[in-house]
Amino acid sequence: MRYVVKMEIEATIEPTPQESADDEHDCLLEMDHTLERLEEEFGDDCESIVFERKQFDLCPECYRKFIKNPVGRVKMVPFGFSHN
């Protein structure tokens, strides 16, 4: 038996309160400008910065490890302070 983990990562841009209140704001034009700036800054890697899809095949042991800690955080070990 194996387990398939599928992940999709999307970049989103939150509108500022001023933009969301402006009904005359051209969202498509703003998005076009944003994508152009991303392409200028990151070049061909722009697509992987905006959207990425990954798929992993896990054995049962790796699946159990993944479920316990899906983002791979390093768990902090609590200090053993005395009760003085």
N, C-alpha and C. Protein backbone atom coordinates (compact mmCIF):
# COMPACT_ATOMS: atom_id res chain seq x y z
N MET A 1 0.85 -1.17 0.00
CA MET A 1 0.00 0.00 0.00
C MET A 1 0.90 1.24 0.00
N ARG A 2 0.41 2.27 -0.66
CA ARG A 2 1.11 3.55 -0.67
C ARG A 2 0.08 4.66 -0.55
N TYR A 3 0.56 5.86 -0.25
CA TYR A 3 -0.30 7.01 -0.07
C TYR A 3 0.17 8.12 -1.00
N VAL A 4 -0.79 8.78 -1.63
CA VAL A 4 -0.47 9.88 -2.55
C VAL A 4 -0.87 11.19 -1.88
N VAL A 5 0.09 12.09 -1.76
CA VAL A 5 -0.15 13.42 -1.19
C VAL A 5 -0.04 14.41 -2.33
N LYS A 6 -1.10 15.21 -2.54
CA LYS A 6 -1.10 16.22 -3.59
C LYS A 6 -1.19 17.59 -2.92
N MET A 7 -0.33 18.50 -3.38
CA MET A 7 -0.30 19.85 -2.82
C MET A 7 -0.38 20.87 -3.94
N GLU A 8 -1.16 21.91 -3.72
CA GLU A 8 -1.23 23.04 -4.64
C GLU A 8 -0.92 24.30 -3.84
N ILE A 9 -0.03 25.11 -4.37
CA ILE A 9 0.39 26.33 -3.71
C ILE A 9 0.11 27.49 -4.65
N GLU A 10 -0.69 28.45 -4.18
CA GLU A 10 -1.05 29.61 -5.00
C GLU A 10 -0.67 30.89 -4.28
N ALA A 11 -0.10 31.81 -5.00
CA ALA A 11 0.15 33.14 -4.46
C ALA A 11 -1.13 33.95 -4.60
N THR A 12 -1.46 34.70 -3.57
CA THR A 12 -2.63 35.58 -3.62
C THR A 12 -2.21 36.98 -3.21
N ILE A 13 -2.93 37.94 -3.70
CA ILE A 13 -2.67 39.33 -3.36
C ILE A 13 -3.93 39.87 -2.70
N GLU A 14 -3.77 40.30 -1.46
CA GLU A 14 -4.90 40.85 -0.73
C GLU A 14 -5.06 42.32 -1.11
N PRO A 15 -6.27 42.72 -1.46
CA PRO A 15 -6.48 44.14 -1.78
C PRO A 15 -6.38 44.99 -0.52
N THR A 16 -5.89 46.18 -0.70
CA THR A 16 -5.86 47.12 0.43
C THR A 16 -7.28 47.60 0.67
N PRO A 17 -7.61 48.07 1.86
CA PRO A 17 -8.98 48.56 2.11
C PRO A 17 -9.40 49.65 1.12
N GLN A 18 -8.46 50.45 0.68
CA GLN A 18 -8.76 51.51 -0.28
C GLN A 18 -9.17 50.91 -1.63
N GLU A 19 -8.47 49.85 -2.06
CA GLU A 19 -8.79 49.23 -3.35
C GLU A 19 -10.14 48.53 -3.31
N SER A 20 -10.45 47.83 -2.21
CA SER A 20 -11.71 47.10 -2.15
C SER A 20 -12.91 48.03 -2.09
N ALA A 21 -12.73 49.24 -1.60
CA ALA A 21 -13.85 50.19 -1.52
C ALA A 21 -14.06 50.93 -2.84
N ASP A 22 -13.10 50.87 -3.73
CA ASP A 22 -13.16 51.61 -4.99
C ASP A 22 -13.84 50.76 -6.06
N ASP A 23 -15.09 51.08 -6.40
CA ASP A 23 -15.83 50.33 -7.41
C ASP A 23 -15.31 50.57 -8.82
N GLU A 24 -14.64 51.69 -9.04
CA GLU A 24 -14.13 52.03 -10.36
C GLU A 24 -12.75 51.41 -10.63
N HIS A 25 -12.21 50.71 -9.67
CA HIS A 25 -10.88 50.11 -9.78
C HIS A 25 -10.92 48.97 -10.81
N ASP A 26 -10.00 48.99 -11.76
CA ASP A 26 -9.92 47.96 -12.80
C ASP A 26 -9.04 46.82 -12.30
N CYS A 27 -9.66 45.77 -11.80
CA CYS A 27 -8.93 44.64 -11.21
C CYS A 27 -8.09 43.91 -12.25
N LEU A 28 -8.61 43.74 -13.45
CA LEU A 28 -7.86 43.04 -14.48
C LEU A 28 -6.60 43.80 -14.88
N LEU A 29 -6.73 45.10 -14.99
CA LEU A 29 -5.57 45.92 -15.33
C LEU A 29 -4.53 45.85 -14.21
N GLU A 30 -4.98 45.93 -12.98
CA GLU A 30 -4.07 45.84 -11.83
C GLU A 30 -3.37 44.48 -11.80
N MET A 31 -4.10 43.41 -12.08
CA MET A 31 -3.50 42.08 -12.10
C MET A 31 -2.46 41.97 -13.22
N ASP A 32 -2.77 42.56 -14.36
CA ASP A 32 -1.82 42.56 -15.47
C ASP A 32 -0.53 43.27 -15.08
N HIS A 33 -0.65 44.41 -14.41
CA HIS A 33 0.54 45.15 -13.95
C HIS A 33 1.33 44.32 -12.93
N THR A 34 0.63 43.66 -12.04
CA THR A 34 1.29 42.84 -11.02
C THR A 34 2.05 41.69 -11.67
N LEU A 35 1.44 41.01 -12.63
CA LEU A 35 2.11 39.91 -13.33
C LEU A 35 3.32 40.40 -14.11
N GLU A 36 3.20 41.57 -14.72
CA GLU A 36 4.35 42.14 -15.44
C GLU A 36 5.51 42.42 -14.49
N ARG A 37 5.20 42.97 -13.30
CA ARG A 37 6.26 43.24 -12.31
C ARG A 37 6.92 41.94 -11.85
N LEU A 38 6.11 40.89 -11.65
CA LEU A 38 6.66 39.59 -11.25
C LEU A 38 7.57 39.02 -12.33
N GLU A 39 7.14 39.12 -13.58
CA GLU A 39 7.95 38.61 -14.69
C GLU A 39 9.27 39.38 -14.80
N GLU A 40 9.22 40.70 -14.59
CA GLU A 40 10.44 41.50 -14.64
C GLU A 40 11.40 41.11 -13.51
N GLU A 41 10.84 40.87 -12.33
CA GLU A 41 11.67 40.57 -11.18
C GLU A 41 12.19 39.14 -11.17
N PHE A 42 11.35 38.17 -11.56
CA PHE A 42 11.73 36.77 -11.44
C PHE A 42 11.94 36.06 -12.77
N GLY A 43 11.63 36.69 -13.88
CA GLY A 43 11.86 36.10 -15.20
C GLY A 43 11.04 34.85 -15.43
N ASP A 44 11.69 33.81 -15.96
CA ASP A 44 10.99 32.56 -16.29
C ASP A 44 10.51 31.81 -15.06
N ASP A 45 11.08 32.10 -13.88
CA ASP A 45 10.67 31.43 -12.65
C ASP A 45 9.37 31.99 -12.09
N CYS A 46 8.81 32.97 -12.74
CA CYS A 46 7.61 33.65 -12.26
C CYS A 46 6.46 32.67 -12.04
N GLU A 47 6.27 31.74 -12.95
CA GLU A 47 5.14 30.81 -12.85
C GLU A 47 5.23 29.97 -11.59
N SER A 48 6.42 29.49 -11.24
CA SER A 48 6.56 28.66 -10.04
C SER A 48 6.36 29.48 -8.77
N ILE A 49 6.51 30.80 -8.84
CA ILE A 49 6.28 31.64 -7.69
C ILE A 49 4.78 31.89 -7.50
N VAL A 50 4.03 31.92 -8.59
CA VAL A 50 2.59 32.20 -8.54
C VAL A 50 1.79 30.93 -8.28
N PHE A 51 2.17 29.81 -8.87
CA PHE A 51 1.41 28.56 -8.71
C PHE A 51 2.35 27.38 -8.84
N GLU A 52 2.18 26.44 -7.95
CA GLU A 52 2.99 25.23 -8.02
C GLU A 52 2.16 24.04 -7.56
N ARG A 53 2.30 22.93 -8.23
CA ARG A 53 1.58 21.70 -7.88
C ARG A 53 2.62 20.61 -7.66
N LYS A 54 2.49 19.91 -6.54
CA LYS A 54 3.42 18.83 -6.20
C LYS A 54 2.62 17.57 -5.88
N GLN A 55 3.24 16.42 -6.14
CA GLN A 55 2.64 15.14 -5.78
C GLN A 55 3.73 14.24 -5.22
N PHE A 56 3.42 13.59 -4.09
CA PHE A 56 4.38 12.72 -3.44
C PHE A 56 3.75 11.35 -3.18
N ASP A 57 4.49 10.28 -3.42
CA ASP A 57 4.06 8.93 -3.08
C ASP A 57 4.77 8.54 -1.79
N LEU A 58 3.98 8.17 -0.79
CA LEU A 58 4.55 7.85 0.51
C LEU A 58 4.29 6.39 0.87
N CYS A 59 5.30 5.78 1.48
CA CYS A 59 5.11 4.44 2.03
C CYS A 59 4.33 4.60 3.34
N PRO A 60 3.81 3.51 3.92
CA PRO A 60 3.04 3.64 5.16
C PRO A 60 3.81 4.32 6.30
N GLU A 61 5.10 4.02 6.46
CA GLU A 61 5.88 4.64 7.53
C GLU A 61 6.03 6.15 7.30
N CYS A 62 6.34 6.55 6.07
CA CYS A 62 6.47 7.98 5.76
C CYS A 62 5.12 8.69 5.90
N TYR A 63 4.04 8.01 5.53
CA TYR A 63 2.69 8.57 5.68
C TYR A 63 2.41 8.89 7.15
N ARG A 64 2.73 7.97 8.07
CA ARG A 64 2.50 8.21 9.50
C ARG A 64 3.31 9.41 9.99
N LYS A 65 4.55 9.53 9.52
CA LYS A 65 5.39 10.67 9.90
C LYS A 65 4.81 11.97 9.34
N PHE A 66 4.34 11.92 8.09
CA PHE A 66 3.78 13.10 7.44
C PHE A 66 2.52 13.58 8.18
N ILE A 67 1.64 12.65 8.53
CA ILE A 67 0.39 13.00 9.20
C ILE A 67 0.66 13.67 10.55
N LYS A 68 1.68 13.21 11.26
CA LYS A 68 2.01 13.80 12.57
C LYS A 68 2.58 15.20 12.44
N ASN A 69 3.28 15.49 11.33
CA ASN A 69 3.95 16.77 11.17
C ASN A 69 3.98 17.15 9.69
N PRO A 70 2.83 17.54 9.10
CA PRO A 70 2.75 17.74 7.64
C PRO A 70 3.64 18.84 7.07
N VAL A 71 3.97 19.86 7.84
CA VAL A 71 4.81 20.93 7.29
C VAL A 71 6.26 20.81 7.72
N GLY A 72 6.60 19.74 8.43
CA GLY A 72 7.99 19.48 8.80
C GLY A 72 8.56 20.44 9.82
N ARG A 73 7.72 20.94 10.71
CA ARG A 73 8.20 21.85 11.74
C ARG A 73 9.12 21.14 12.71
N VAL A 74 10.12 21.84 13.15
CA VAL A 74 10.98 21.32 14.20
C VAL A 74 10.26 21.56 15.51
N LYS A 75 10.00 20.49 16.24
CA LYS A 75 9.26 20.63 17.49
C LYS A 75 10.18 21.10 18.59
N MET A 76 9.71 22.08 19.33
CA MET A 76 10.49 22.63 20.43
C MET A 76 10.40 21.68 21.62
N VAL A 77 11.54 21.40 22.21
CA VAL A 77 11.58 20.57 23.41
C VAL A 77 11.40 21.49 24.61
N PRO A 78 10.39 21.23 25.45
CA PRO A 78 10.19 22.12 26.59
C PRO A 78 11.33 22.00 27.59
N PHE A 79 11.64 23.13 28.24
CA PHE A 79 12.67 23.14 29.27
C PHE A 79 12.13 22.47 30.52
N GLY A 80 12.95 21.75 31.22
CA GLY A 80 12.55 21.10 32.46
C GLY A 80 12.91 21.94 33.66
N PHE A 81 12.20 23.05 33.87
CA PHE A 81 12.48 23.91 35.01
C PHE A 81 11.99 23.24 36.30
N SER A 82 12.72 23.44 37.35
CA SER A 82 12.30 22.92 38.65
C SER A 82 11.20 23.81 39.23
N HIS A 83 10.48 23.29 40.20
CA HIS A 83 9.36 24.02 40.82
C HIS A 83 9.80 24.75 42.08
N ASN A 84 10.98 25.31 42.12
CA ASN A 84 11.49 26.01 43.31
C ASN A 84 10.79 27.31 43.51
